[in-house]
Amino acid sequence: MNAKEIIDVKPRLVKGHRACAGCAEPIIAKVVLSALKNDYDVVVANATCCLEVVTTIYPFSAWNIPWIHNTFENAAATLSGVETAFRALVAQKKIKPSKPVKFLAFGGDGGTYDIGLQSLSGTLERGHDIVYVCLDNEGYMNTGNQRSSATPYGAATTTTPAGSYRPGKEQWRKNIAKIAEAHNIDYVAQASVHNFVDLADKARKAFETKGPAFIVVLSPCTTLWGFSPDKTIEIARKATESCFWPLYEIEKGVYKINYIPSKKRPITDFIEHQKRYKHLFKPENKDIIKKIQAHVDEDWCKLQGMAELTQKLNCAKEKKW
């Protein structure tokens, strides 16, 4: 998709929401929904998260489509039930949709990586025809910046405060894309708010996939990461250019990196303007930054290796058959 195609789609999330200035989540939701052209209908399930709270403050709603609110942990389960019921009603000729209908779930990292993982796993394993999008702001931002398993190593949160006892969070973040891919689904992608076209293309592929598809999108939180509201896109871009958050997709087990920086930025370019990492720039914590840089470099090397290996295996398979 190009930028004009994204803009031309009838808005399904409209103005009037209460998101913070600089919030990435409404942008992500609008771009993902724009991947469905006007000749499709869509049903959205929304786990408890920032997006749900700011778009549906009673008695108002910014959603222009059928929308369901769930608790933190069951967006995927609820949507899988809706999708199953829809198929059953169509098969029984009790409804006759005028347009093709797609099913989309939004959840934060808390409701995806952590307390919603069992629900998501069941939905992926059963093969429901839905798209699940994780809005990853790397913590429980809706409830005050508690750490989640998506929170990066070294980041300060209200439950892992930086001080003399610990230098922020002391565990590495989960790789949720690899966890989703382990369910042997046909499409998994990692995207970012700063690259609209890449995100829209991945959403389009996800909607076109028969069966479950999963996308995790980096969603910088201006309020609790601690940066100026006008820097959201810049922060997201630096996350990708430092290879902290590479853009890639996995189609039927084959890895493809969508963007390779011409000059890889150091991790300090990504973290230096965020309050949650301020403590790491004290002299006594310089080794922690080195440790984070080494981990990013290792993960980037592994991802490049997986892309090269799986593409070679796929080529060999195609030649064999």
C-alpha atoms as a PDB file:
ATOM      1  CA  MET A   1       0.000   0.000   0.000  1.00  0.00           C
ATOM      2  CA  ASN A   2       1.032   3.608  -0.509  1.00  0.00           C
ATOM      3  CA  ALA A   3       0.226   6.629   1.648  1.00  0.00           C
ATOM      4  CA  LYS A   4      -2.686   7.733  -0.560  1.00  0.00           C
ATOM      5  CA  GLU A   5      -4.335   4.309  -0.327  1.00  0.00           C
ATOM      6  CA  ILE A   6      -4.064   4.465   3.462  1.00  0.00           C
ATOM      7  CA  ILE A   7      -5.669   7.911   3.582  1.00  0.00           C
ATOM      8  CA  ASP A   8      -8.480   7.082   1.133  1.00  0.00           C
ATOM      9  CA  VAL A   9      -9.991   4.305   3.268  1.00  0.00           C
ATOM     10  CA  LYS A  10     -13.092   5.352   5.216  1.00  0.00           C
ATOM     11  CA  PRO A  11     -12.048   5.941   8.874  1.00  0.00           C
ATOM     12  CA  ARG A  12     -13.085   3.198  11.272  1.00  0.00           C
ATOM     13  CA  LEU A  13     -11.497   4.861  14.305  1.00  0.00           C
ATOM     14  CA  VAL A  14     -12.601   8.481  14.290  1.00  0.00           C
ATOM     15  CA  LYS A  15     -11.759  11.698  16.130  1.00  0.00           C
ATOM     16  CA  GLY A  16     -12.837  12.405  19.668  1.00  0.00           C
ATOM     17  CA  HIS A  17     -10.714   9.894  21.564  1.00  0.00           C
ATOM     18  CA  ARG A  18      -8.774  10.956  24.670  1.00  0.00           C
ATOM     19  CA  ALA A  19      -5.302   9.602  23.924  1.00  0.00           C
ATOM     20  CA  CYS A  20      -2.308  11.481  25.282  1.00  0.00           C
ATOM     21  CA  ALA A  21      -0.606  13.954  22.965  1.00  0.00           C
ATOM     22  CA  GLY A  22       1.958  11.988  21.011  1.00  0.00           C
ATOM     23  CA  CYS A  23       0.343   8.592  21.678  1.00  0.00           C
ATOM     24  CA  ALA A  24       1.185   6.051  18.989  1.00  0.00           C
ATOM     25  CA  GLU A  25      -1.756   3.699  19.556  1.00  0.00           C
ATOM     26  CA  PRO A  26      -4.524   5.533  17.648  1.00  0.00           C
ATOM     27  CA  ILE A  27      -2.097   5.965  14.740  1.00  0.00           C
ATOM     28  CA  ILE A  28      -1.335   2.241  14.700  1.00  0.00           C
ATOM     29  CA  ALA A  29      -5.015   1.293  14.924  1.00  0.00           C
ATOM     30  CA  LYS A  30      -5.951   3.617  12.052  1.00  0.00           C
ATOM     31  CA  VAL A  31      -3.164   2.330   9.808  1.00  0.00           C
ATOM     32  CA  VAL A  32      -3.989  -1.329  10.533  1.00  0.00           C
ATOM     33  CA  LEU A  33      -7.679  -0.732   9.817  1.00  0.00           C
ATOM     34  CA  SER A  34      -6.812   1.139   6.614  1.00  0.00           C
ATOM     35  CA  ALA A  35      -5.325  -2.092   5.232  1.00  0.00           C
ATOM     36  CA  LEU A  36      -8.925  -3.278   4.835  1.00  0.00           C
ATOM     37  CA  LYS A  37     -10.431  -1.465   1.858  1.00  0.00           C
ATOM     38  CA  ASN A  38     -13.957  -0.062   2.006  1.00  0.00           C
ATOM     39  CA  ASP A  39     -15.443  -3.210   0.491  1.00  0.00           C
ATOM     40  CA  TYR A  40     -14.768  -5.131   3.739  1.00  0.00           C
ATOM     41  CA  ASP A  41     -16.492  -5.064   7.113  1.00  0.00           C
ATOM     42  CA  VAL A  42     -14.542  -5.665  10.314  1.00  0.00           C
ATOM     43  CA  VAL A  43     -15.327  -6.621  13.909  1.00  0.00           C
ATOM     44  CA  VAL A  44     -12.837  -5.472  16.561  1.00  0.00           C
ATOM     45  CA  ALA A  45     -12.229  -6.984  19.982  1.00  0.00           C
ATOM     46  CA  ASN A  46     -10.217  -4.781  22.328  1.00  0.00           C
ATOM     47  CA  ALA A  47      -8.516  -6.051  25.458  1.00  0.00           C
ATOM     48  CA  THR A  48      -8.322  -3.699  28.415  1.00  0.00           C
ATOM     49  CA  CYS A  49      -5.451  -1.390  27.527  1.00  0.00           C
ATOM     50  CA  CYS A  50      -4.756   2.276  26.791  1.00  0.00           C
ATOM     51  CA  LEU A  51      -6.455   2.069  23.374  1.00  0.00           C
ATOM     52  CA  GLU A  52      -9.654   0.717  24.929  1.00  0.00           C
ATOM     53  CA  VAL A  53      -9.723   3.306  27.708  1.00  0.00           C
ATOM     54  CA  VAL A  54      -9.097   6.413  25.617  1.00  0.00           C
ATOM     55  CA  THR A  55     -11.494   5.500  22.787  1.00  0.00           C
ATOM     56  CA  THR A  56     -14.545   4.505  24.843  1.00  0.00           C
ATOM     57  CA  ILE A  57     -14.929   6.844  27.805  1.00  0.00           C
ATOM     58  CA  TYR A  58     -18.623   6.436  28.656  1.00  0.00           C
ATOM     59  CA  PRO A  59     -20.941   7.440  27.076  1.00  0.00           C
ATOM     60  CA  PHE A  60     -18.783   8.163  24.015  1.00  0.00           C
ATOM     61  CA  SER A  61     -16.987   5.964  21.484  1.00  0.00           C
ATOM     62  CA  ALA A  62     -14.486   6.762  18.744  1.00  0.00           C
ATOM     63  CA  TRP A  63     -15.180   3.452  16.981  1.00  0.00           C
ATOM     64  CA  ASN A  64     -17.213   3.560  13.784  1.00  0.00           C
ATOM     65  CA  ILE A  65     -17.527  -0.238  13.547  1.00  0.00           C
ATOM     66  CA  PRO A  66     -18.735  -3.200  15.675  1.00  0.00           C
ATOM     67  CA  TRP A  67     -16.432  -3.263  18.722  1.00  0.00           C
ATOM     68  CA  ILE A  68     -16.210  -5.480  21.810  1.00  0.00           C
ATOM     69  CA  HIS A  69     -14.408  -4.699  25.070  1.00  0.00           C
ATOM     70  CA  ASN A  70     -12.816  -7.570  26.956  1.00  0.00           C
ATOM     71  CA  THR A  71     -10.871  -7.925  30.160  1.00  0.00           C
ATOM     72  CA  PHE A  72      -7.086  -7.879  30.007  1.00  0.00           C
ATOM     73  CA  GLU A  73      -6.697 -11.585  29.378  1.00  0.00           C
ATOM     74  CA  ASN A  74      -9.362 -12.740  26.941  1.00  0.00           C
ATOM     75  CA  ALA A  75      -9.492 -10.634  23.761  1.00  0.00           C
ATOM     76  CA  ALA A  76      -8.283 -13.531  21.609  1.00  0.00           C
ATOM     77  CA  ALA A  77     -10.728 -15.989  23.183  1.00  0.00           C
ATOM     78  CA  THR A  78     -13.669 -13.616  22.786  1.00  0.00           C
ATOM     79  CA  LEU A  79     -12.860 -12.873  19.156  1.00  0.00           C
ATOM     80  CA  SER A  80     -12.355 -16.563  18.364  1.00  0.00           C
ATOM     81  CA  GLY A  81     -15.871 -17.151  19.710  1.00  0.00           C
ATOM     82  CA  VAL A  82     -17.283 -14.345  17.565  1.00  0.00           C
ATOM     83  CA  GLU A  83     -15.518 -15.687  14.474  1.00  0.00           C
ATOM     84  CA  THR A  84     -16.793 -19.217  15.125  1.00  0.00           C
ATOM     85  CA  ALA A  85     -20.354 -18.014  15.717  1.00  0.00           C
ATOM     86  CA  PHE A  86     -20.231 -15.982  12.515  1.00  0.00           C
ATOM     87  CA  ARG A  87     -19.109 -18.979  10.449  1.00  0.00           C
ATOM     88  CA  ALA A  88     -21.835 -21.121  12.007  1.00  0.00           C
ATOM     89  CA  LEU A  89     -24.565 -18.590  11.268  1.00  0.00           C
ATOM     90  CA  VAL A  90     -23.415 -18.202   7.675  1.00  0.00           C
ATOM     91  CA  ALA A  91     -23.300 -21.995   7.207  1.00  0.00           C
ATOM     92  CA  GLN A  92     -26.823 -22.273   8.609  1.00  0.00           C
ATOM     93  CA  LYS A  93     -27.969 -19.488   6.242  1.00  0.00           C
ATOM     94  CA  LYS A  94     -29.210 -17.459   9.208  1.00  0.00           C
ATOM     95  CA  ILE A  95     -27.212 -14.426   8.045  1.00  0.00           C
ATOM     96  CA  LYS A  96     -26.014 -13.326   4.623  1.00  0.00           C
ATOM     97  CA  PRO A  97     -23.297 -10.663   4.887  1.00  0.00           C
ATOM     98  CA  SER A  98     -23.309  -7.987   2.198  1.00  0.00           C
ATOM     99  CA  LYS A  99     -19.506  -7.740   2.425  1.00  0.00           C
ATOM    100  CA  PRO A 100     -16.674 -10.069   3.501  1.00  0.00           C
ATOM    101  CA  VAL A 101     -16.116  -9.764   7.256  1.00  0.00           C
ATOM    102  CA  LYS A 102     -12.725  -9.743   8.993  1.00  0.00           C
ATOM    103  CA  PHE A 103     -12.002 -10.180  12.691  1.00  0.00           C
ATOM    104  CA  LEU A 104      -9.354  -8.091  14.454  1.00  0.00           C
ATOM    105  CA  ALA A 105      -8.114  -8.021  18.057  1.00  0.00           C
ATOM    106  CA  PHE A 106      -6.061  -5.286  19.700  1.00  0.00           C
ATOM    107  CA  GLY A 107      -4.220  -5.857  22.974  1.00  0.00           C
ATOM    108  CA  GLY A 108      -1.375  -4.241  24.869  1.00  0.00           C
ATOM    109  CA  ASP A 109       1.802  -6.053  25.824  1.00  0.00           C
ATOM    110  CA  GLY A 110       0.454  -6.795  29.309  1.00  0.00           C
ATOM    111  CA  GLY A 111      -2.632  -8.438  27.829  1.00  0.00           C
ATOM    112  CA  THR A 112      -0.567 -10.257  25.182  1.00  0.00           C
ATOM    113  CA  TYR A 113       2.872 -11.204  26.534  1.00  0.00           C
ATOM    114  CA  ASP A 114       1.615 -11.871  30.060  1.00  0.00           C
ATOM    115  CA  ILE A 115      -1.936 -12.362  31.332  1.00  0.00           C
ATOM    116  CA  GLY A 116      -3.445 -12.907  27.876  1.00  0.00           C
ATOM    117  CA  LEU A 117      -0.820 -15.338  26.596  1.00  0.00           C
ATOM    118  CA  GLN A 118      -2.887 -18.452  27.342  1.00  0.00           C
ATOM    119  CA  SER A 119      -5.887 -17.009  25.489  1.00  0.00           C
ATOM    120  CA  LEU A 120      -3.770 -15.978  22.507  1.00  0.00           C
ATOM    121  CA  SER A 121      -1.976 -19.320  22.414  1.00  0.00           C
ATOM    122  CA  GLY A 122      -5.254 -21.237  22.336  1.00  0.00           C
ATOM    123  CA  THR A 123      -6.613 -19.083  19.531  1.00  0.00           C
ATOM    124  CA  LEU A 124      -3.477 -19.498  17.425  1.00  0.00           C
ATOM    125  CA  GLU A 125      -3.299 -23.257  18.043  1.00  0.00           C
ATOM    126  CA  ARG A 126      -6.964 -23.791  17.107  1.00  0.00           C
ATOM    127  CA  GLY A 127      -6.484 -21.922  13.837  1.00  0.00           C
ATOM    128  CA  HIS A 128      -9.182 -19.247  14.107  1.00  0.00           C
ATOM    129  CA  ASP A 129      -9.330 -16.882  11.133  1.00  0.00           C
ATOM    130  CA  ILE A 130      -8.452 -13.683  12.989  1.00  0.00           C
ATOM    131  CA  VAL A 131      -5.727 -11.037  13.076  1.00  0.00           C
ATOM    132  CA  TYR A 132      -4.219 -10.182  16.469  1.00  0.00           C
ATOM    133  CA  VAL A 133      -2.284  -6.921  16.841  1.00  0.00           C
ATOM    134  CA  CYS A 134      -0.199  -6.279  19.962  1.00  0.00           C
ATOM    135  CA  LEU A 135       0.334  -2.585  20.737  1.00  0.00           C
ATOM    136  CA  ASP A 136       3.694  -2.885  22.486  1.00  0.00           C
ATOM    137  CA  ASN A 137       4.490   0.086  24.723  1.00  0.00           C
ATOM    138  CA  GLU A 138       6.685  -2.139  26.892  1.00  0.00           C
ATOM    139  CA  GLY A 139       4.824  -1.974  30.182  1.00  0.00           C
ATOM    140  CA  TYR A 140       1.470  -1.719  31.948  1.00  0.00           C
ATOM    141  CA  MET A 141       1.072   1.930  30.984  1.00  0.00           C
ATOM    142  CA  ASN A 142      -2.707   1.981  31.463  1.00  0.00           C
ATOM    143  CA  THR A 143      -2.215   1.379  35.195  1.00  0.00           C
ATOM    144  CA  GLY A 144       0.891   3.460  35.882  1.00  0.00           C
ATOM    145  CA  ASN A 145       4.010   1.957  34.249  1.00  0.00           C
ATOM    146  CA  GLN A 146       4.458  -1.375  36.003  1.00  0.00           C
ATOM    147  CA  ARG A 147       6.949  -3.725  34.348  1.00  0.00           C
ATOM    148  CA  SER A 148       5.737  -6.400  31.949  1.00  0.00           C
ATOM    149  CA  SER A 149       7.681  -9.179  30.256  1.00  0.00           C
ATOM    150  CA  ALA A 150       7.927  -6.804  27.277  1.00  0.00           C
ATOM    151  CA  THR A 151       9.785  -4.198  29.358  1.00  0.00           C
ATOM    152  CA  PRO A 152      13.420  -3.999  28.222  1.00  0.00           C
ATOM    153  CA  TYR A 153      16.388  -4.782  30.408  1.00  0.00           C
ATOM    154  CA  GLY A 154      17.554  -1.719  32.332  1.00  0.00           C
ATOM    155  CA  ALA A 155      14.338   0.309  32.019  1.00  0.00           C
ATOM    156  CA  ALA A 156      12.997   1.913  35.193  1.00  0.00           C
ATOM    157  CA  THR A 157       9.336   1.267  36.043  1.00  0.00           C
ATOM    158  CA  THR A 158       7.225   1.734  39.173  1.00  0.00           C
ATOM    159  CA  THR A 159       7.762  -1.927  40.093  1.00  0.00           C
ATOM    160  CA  THR A 160      11.429  -2.040  39.035  1.00  0.00           C
ATOM    161  CA  PRO A 161      12.623   1.415  40.100  1.00  0.00           C
ATOM    162  CA  ALA A 162      16.213   2.370  39.435  1.00  0.00           C
ATOM    163  CA  GLY A 163      18.264   2.995  42.558  1.00  0.00           C
ATOM    164  CA  SER A 164      21.077   1.647  44.680  1.00  0.00           C
ATOM    165  CA  TYR A 165      19.417  -1.781  44.929  1.00  0.00           C
ATOM    166  CA  ARG A 166      18.795  -2.399  41.197  1.00  0.00           C
ATOM    167  CA  PRO A 167      19.445  -0.515  37.943  1.00  0.00           C
ATOM    168  CA  GLY A 168      15.894  -0.900  36.604  1.00  0.00           C
ATOM    169  CA  LYS A 169      14.480  -4.154  35.221  1.00  0.00           C
ATOM    170  CA  GLU A 170      16.959  -7.029  35.479  1.00  0.00           C
ATOM    171  CA  GLN A 171      15.443  -9.491  32.982  1.00  0.00           C
ATOM    172  CA  TRP A 172      15.540  -9.502  29.172  1.00  0.00           C
ATOM    173  CA  ARG A 173      12.242  -8.953  27.369  1.00  0.00           C
ATOM    174  CA  LYS A 174      10.325 -11.819  25.756  1.00  0.00           C
ATOM    175  CA  ASN A 175      10.361 -12.283  21.990  1.00  0.00           C
ATOM    176  CA  ILE A 176       6.617 -12.517  21.416  1.00  0.00           C
ATOM    177  CA  ALA A 177       6.964 -12.855  17.635  1.00  0.00           C
ATOM    178  CA  LYS A 178       8.986 -16.061  18.073  1.00  0.00           C
ATOM    179  CA  ILE A 179       6.410 -17.359  20.550  1.00  0.00           C
ATOM    180  CA  ALA A 180       3.620 -16.728  18.037  1.00  0.00           C
ATOM    181  CA  GLU A 181       5.645 -18.311  15.229  1.00  0.00           C
ATOM    182  CA  ALA A 182       6.131 -21.432  17.359  1.00  0.00           C
ATOM    183  CA  HIS A 183       2.393 -22.104  16.904  1.00  0.00           C
ATOM    184  CA  ASN A 184       3.088 -22.876  13.218  1.00  0.00           C
ATOM    185  CA  ILE A 185       0.824 -20.129  11.924  1.00  0.00           C
ATOM    186  CA  ASP A 186       1.300 -18.752   8.415  1.00  0.00           C
ATOM    187  CA  TYR A 187       1.966 -15.097   9.164  1.00  0.00           C
ATOM    188  CA  VAL A 188       3.826 -13.282  11.957  1.00  0.00           C
ATOM    189  CA  ALA A 189       5.276  -9.785  11.711  1.00  0.00           C
ATOM    190  CA  GLN A 190       7.080  -7.148  13.738  1.00  0.00           C
ATOM    191  CA  ALA A 191       6.321  -3.550  12.759  1.00  0.00           C
ATOM    192  CA  SER A 192       6.606   0.003  14.081  1.00  0.00           C
ATOM    193  CA  VAL A 193       4.484   3.129  14.156  1.00  0.00           C
ATOM    194  CA  HIS A 194       7.110   5.174  12.308  1.00  0.00           C
ATOM    195  CA  ASN A 195       6.799   3.226   9.044  1.00  0.00           C
ATOM    196  CA  PHE A 196       3.146   3.538   7.983  1.00  0.00           C
ATOM    197  CA  VAL A 197       3.531   1.807   4.624  1.00  0.00           C
ATOM    198  CA  ASP A 198       5.366  -1.196   6.073  1.00  0.00           C
ATOM    199  CA  LEU A 199       2.734  -1.517   8.822  1.00  0.00           C
ATOM    200  CA  ALA A 200      -0.157  -1.255   6.349  1.00  0.00           C
ATOM    201  CA  ASP A 201       1.440  -3.840   4.046  1.00  0.00           C
ATOM    202  CA  LYS A 202       1.865  -6.255   6.949  1.00  0.00           C
ATOM    203  CA  ALA A 203      -1.705  -5.698   8.087  1.00  0.00           C
ATOM    204  CA  ARG A 204      -2.931  -6.377   4.545  1.00  0.00           C
ATOM    205  CA  LYS A 205      -0.969  -9.633   4.416  1.00  0.00           C
ATOM    206  CA  ALA A 206      -2.339 -10.584   7.825  1.00  0.00           C
ATOM    207  CA  PHE A 207      -5.935  -9.998   6.715  1.00  0.00           C
ATOM    208  CA  GLU A 208      -5.325 -12.000   3.544  1.00  0.00           C
ATOM    209  CA  THR A 209      -3.934 -14.940   5.522  1.00  0.00           C
ATOM    210  CA  LYS A 210      -6.323 -17.854   5.969  1.00  0.00           C
ATOM    211  CA  GLY A 211      -6.235 -18.680   9.659  1.00  0.00           C
ATOM    212  CA  PRO A 212      -4.600 -16.721  12.476  1.00  0.00           C
ATOM    213  CA  ALA A 213      -2.060 -13.957  11.888  1.00  0.00           C
ATOM    214  CA  PHE A 214      -0.095 -12.022  14.505  1.00  0.00           C
ATOM    215  CA  ILE A 215       1.555  -8.583  14.393  1.00  0.00           C
ATOM    216  CA  VAL A 216       3.453  -6.877  17.201  1.00  0.00           C
ATOM    217  CA  VAL A 217       3.912  -3.119  16.745  1.00  0.00           C
ATOM    218  CA  LEU A 218       6.253  -0.857  18.707  1.00  0.00           C
ATOM    219  CA  SER A 219       4.172   1.896  20.331  1.00  0.00           C
ATOM    220  CA  PRO A 220       6.386   4.415  22.175  1.00  0.00           C
ATOM    221  CA  CYS A 221       4.675   5.884  25.253  1.00  0.00           C
ATOM    222  CA  THR A 222       5.498   9.581  25.585  1.00  0.00           C
ATOM    223  CA  THR A 223       4.036   9.802  29.093  1.00  0.00           C
ATOM    224  CA  LEU A 224       5.809   6.924  30.807  1.00  0.00           C
ATOM    225  CA  TRP A 225       8.874   6.367  28.645  1.00  0.00           C
ATOM    226  CA  GLY A 226       9.510  10.027  29.335  1.00  0.00           C
ATOM    227  CA  PHE A 227      10.071  11.944  26.103  1.00  0.00           C
ATOM    228  CA  SER A 228       8.546  14.986  24.390  1.00  0.00           C
ATOM    229  CA  PRO A 229       5.192  14.259  22.653  1.00  0.00           C
ATOM    230  CA  ASP A 230       6.573  15.459  19.311  1.00  0.00           C
ATOM    231  CA  LYS A 231       9.314  12.788  19.371  1.00  0.00           C
ATOM    232  CA  THR A 232       7.169   9.621  19.082  1.00  0.00           C
ATOM    233  CA  ILE A 233       8.004   8.859  15.461  1.00  0.00           C
ATOM    234  CA  GLU A 234      11.670   9.803  15.919  1.00  0.00           C
ATOM    235  CA  ILE A 235      12.028   7.503  18.948  1.00  0.00           C
ATOM    236  CA  ALA A 236      10.380   4.632  17.058  1.00  0.00           C
ATOM    237  CA  ARG A 237      12.644   5.187  14.050  1.00  0.00           C
ATOM    238  CA  LYS A 238      15.757   5.124  16.234  1.00  0.00           C
ATOM    239  CA  ALA A 239      14.581   1.855  17.785  1.00  0.00           C
ATOM    240  CA  THR A 240      14.626   0.316  14.312  1.00  0.00           C
ATOM    241  CA  GLU A 241      17.810   1.989  13.108  1.00  0.00           C
ATOM    242  CA  SER A 242      19.662   0.758  16.213  1.00  0.00           C
ATOM    243  CA  CYS A 243      18.256  -2.755  15.543  1.00  0.00           C
ATOM    244  CA  PHE A 244      16.643  -2.798  18.972  1.00  0.00           C
ATOM    245  CA  TRP A 245      13.333  -3.184  17.101  1.00  0.00           C
ATOM    246  CA  PRO A 246      13.990  -4.623  13.622  1.00  0.00           C
ATOM    247  CA  LEU A 247      11.192  -4.756  11.058  1.00  0.00           C
ATOM    248  CA  TYR A 248      10.637  -8.288   9.788  1.00  0.00           C
ATOM    249  CA  GLU A 249       8.001 -10.836   8.916  1.00  0.00           C
ATOM    250  CA  ILE A 250       7.701 -14.627   8.970  1.00  0.00           C
ATOM    251  CA  GLU A 251       5.616 -16.127   6.160  1.00  0.00           C
ATOM    252  CA  LYS A 252       5.067 -19.870   6.493  1.00  0.00           C
ATOM    253  CA  GLY A 253       8.268 -20.180   8.497  1.00  0.00           C
ATOM    254  CA  VAL A 254      10.405 -18.068   6.150  1.00  0.00           C
ATOM    255  CA  TYR A 255      11.974 -14.981   7.766  1.00  0.00           C
ATOM    256  CA  LYS A 256      12.292 -11.747   5.789  1.00  0.00           C
ATOM    257  CA  ILE A 257      13.926  -8.596   7.140  1.00  0.00           C
ATOM    258  CA  ASN A 258      12.057  -5.583   5.770  1.00  0.00           C
ATOM    259  CA  TYR A 259      14.613  -2.912   6.632  1.00  0.00           C
ATOM    260  CA  ILE A 260      18.382  -3.074   7.057  1.00  0.00           C
ATOM    261  CA  PRO A 261      19.960   0.195   8.246  1.00  0.00           C
ATOM    262  CA  SER A 262      22.674   1.534   5.973  1.00  0.00           C
ATOM    263  CA  LYS A 263      24.468   2.641   9.133  1.00  0.00           C
ATOM    264  CA  LYS A 264      23.404   0.907  12.335  1.00  0.00           C
ATOM    265  CA  ARG A 265      22.902   3.356  15.194  1.00  0.00           C
ATOM    266  CA  PRO A 266      24.289   2.650  18.685  1.00  0.00           C
ATOM    267  CA  ILE A 267      21.654   1.767  21.295  1.00  0.00           C
ATOM    268  CA  THR A 268      22.394   5.058  23.082  1.00  0.00           C
ATOM    269  CA  ASP A 269      20.745   6.931  20.188  1.00  0.00           C
ATOM    270  CA  PHE A 270      17.477   5.172  21.053  1.00  0.00           C
ATOM    271  CA  ILE A 271      17.585   5.422  24.848  1.00  0.00           C
ATOM    272  CA  GLU A 272      19.319   8.747  25.536  1.00  0.00           C
ATOM    273  CA  HIS A 273      16.164  10.910  25.340  1.00  0.00           C
ATOM    274  CA  GLN A 274      13.967   8.618  27.466  1.00  0.00           C
ATOM    275  CA  LYS A 275      13.551   9.321  31.173  1.00  0.00           C
ATOM    276  CA  ARG A 276      13.171   5.593  31.961  1.00  0.00           C
ATOM    277  CA  TYR A 277      16.826   5.084  30.955  1.00  0.00           C
ATOM    278  CA  LYS A 278      18.266   8.262  32.493  1.00  0.00           C
ATOM    279  CA  HIS A 279      19.985   6.357  35.310  1.00  0.00           C
ATOM    280  CA  LEU A 280      21.974   4.242  32.857  1.00  0.00           C
ATOM    281  CA  PHE A 281      24.075   7.261  31.858  1.00  0.00           C
ATOM    282  CA  LYS A 282      25.593   7.546  35.324  1.00  0.00           C
ATOM    283  CA  PRO A 283      29.266   6.463  35.354  1.00  0.00           C
ATOM    284  CA  GLU A 284      28.570   3.472  37.604  1.00  0.00           C
ATOM    285  CA  ASN A 285      26.064   2.056  35.067  1.00  0.00           C
ATOM    286  CA  LYS A 286      28.110   2.334  31.868  1.00  0.00           C
ATOM    287  CA  ASP A 287      28.647  -1.444  31.821  1.00  0.00           C
ATOM    288  CA  ILE A 288      24.874  -1.965  31.671  1.00  0.00           C
ATOM    289  CA  ILE A 289      24.665   0.021  28.421  1.00  0.00           C
ATOM    290  CA  LYS A 290      27.490  -2.128  27.037  1.00  0.00           C
ATOM    291  CA  LYS A 291      25.564  -5.234  28.066  1.00  0.00           C
ATOM    292  CA  ILE A 292      22.397  -3.988  26.347  1.00  0.00           C
ATOM    293  CA  GLN A 293      24.348  -3.132  23.196  1.00  0.00           C
ATOM    294  CA  ALA A 294      25.896  -6.599  23.106  1.00  0.00           C
ATOM    295  CA  HIS A 295      22.460  -8.203  23.502  1.00  0.00           C
ATOM    296  CA  VAL A 296      20.977  -6.106  20.680  1.00  0.00           C
ATOM    297  CA  ASP A 297      23.912  -6.985  18.424  1.00  0.00           C
ATOM    298  CA  GLU A 298      23.525 -10.695  19.183  1.00  0.00           C
ATOM    299  CA  ASP A 299      19.774 -10.670  18.498  1.00  0.00           C
ATOM    300  CA  TRP A 300      20.296  -8.784  15.219  1.00  0.00           C
ATOM    301  CA  CYS A 301      22.916 -11.323  14.145  1.00  0.00           C
ATOM    302  CA  LYS A 302      20.554 -14.202  14.998  1.00  0.00           C
ATOM    303  CA  LEU A 303      17.704 -12.607  13.037  1.00  0.00           C
ATOM    304  CA  GLN A 304      19.906 -12.151   9.968  1.00  0.00           C
ATOM    305  CA  GLY A 305      21.002 -15.766  10.299  1.00  0.00           C
ATOM    306  CA  MET A 306      17.391 -16.993  10.513  1.00  0.00           C
ATOM    307  CA  ALA A 307      16.436 -14.975   7.433  1.00  0.00           C
ATOM    308  CA  GLU A 308      19.342 -16.389   5.436  1.00  0.00           C
ATOM    309  CA  LEU A 309      18.781 -19.966   6.623  1.00  0.00           C
ATOM    310  CA  THR A 310      15.003 -20.130   6.144  1.00  0.00           C
ATOM    311  CA  GLN A 311      15.172 -18.509   2.701  1.00  0.00           C
ATOM    312  CA  LYS A 312      17.781 -21.052   1.608  1.00  0.00           C
ATOM    313  CA  LEU A 313      15.691 -23.927   2.962  1.00  0.00           C
ATOM    314  CA  ASN A 314      12.615 -22.558   1.203  1.00  0.00           C
ATOM    315  CA  CYS A 315      14.497 -22.298  -2.104  1.00  0.00           C
ATOM    316  CA  ALA A 316      15.727 -25.879  -1.701  1.00  0.00           C
ATOM    317  CA  LYS A 317      12.179 -27.059  -0.957  1.00  0.00           C
ATOM    318  CA  GLU A 318      10.770 -25.296  -4.023  1.00  0.00           C
ATOM    319  CA  LYS A 319      13.433 -26.829  -6.276  1.00  0.00           C
ATOM    320  CA  LYS A 320      12.783 -30.284  -4.850  1.00  0.00           C
ATOM    321  CA  TRP A 321       9.072 -30.061  -5.556  1.00  0.00           C
END
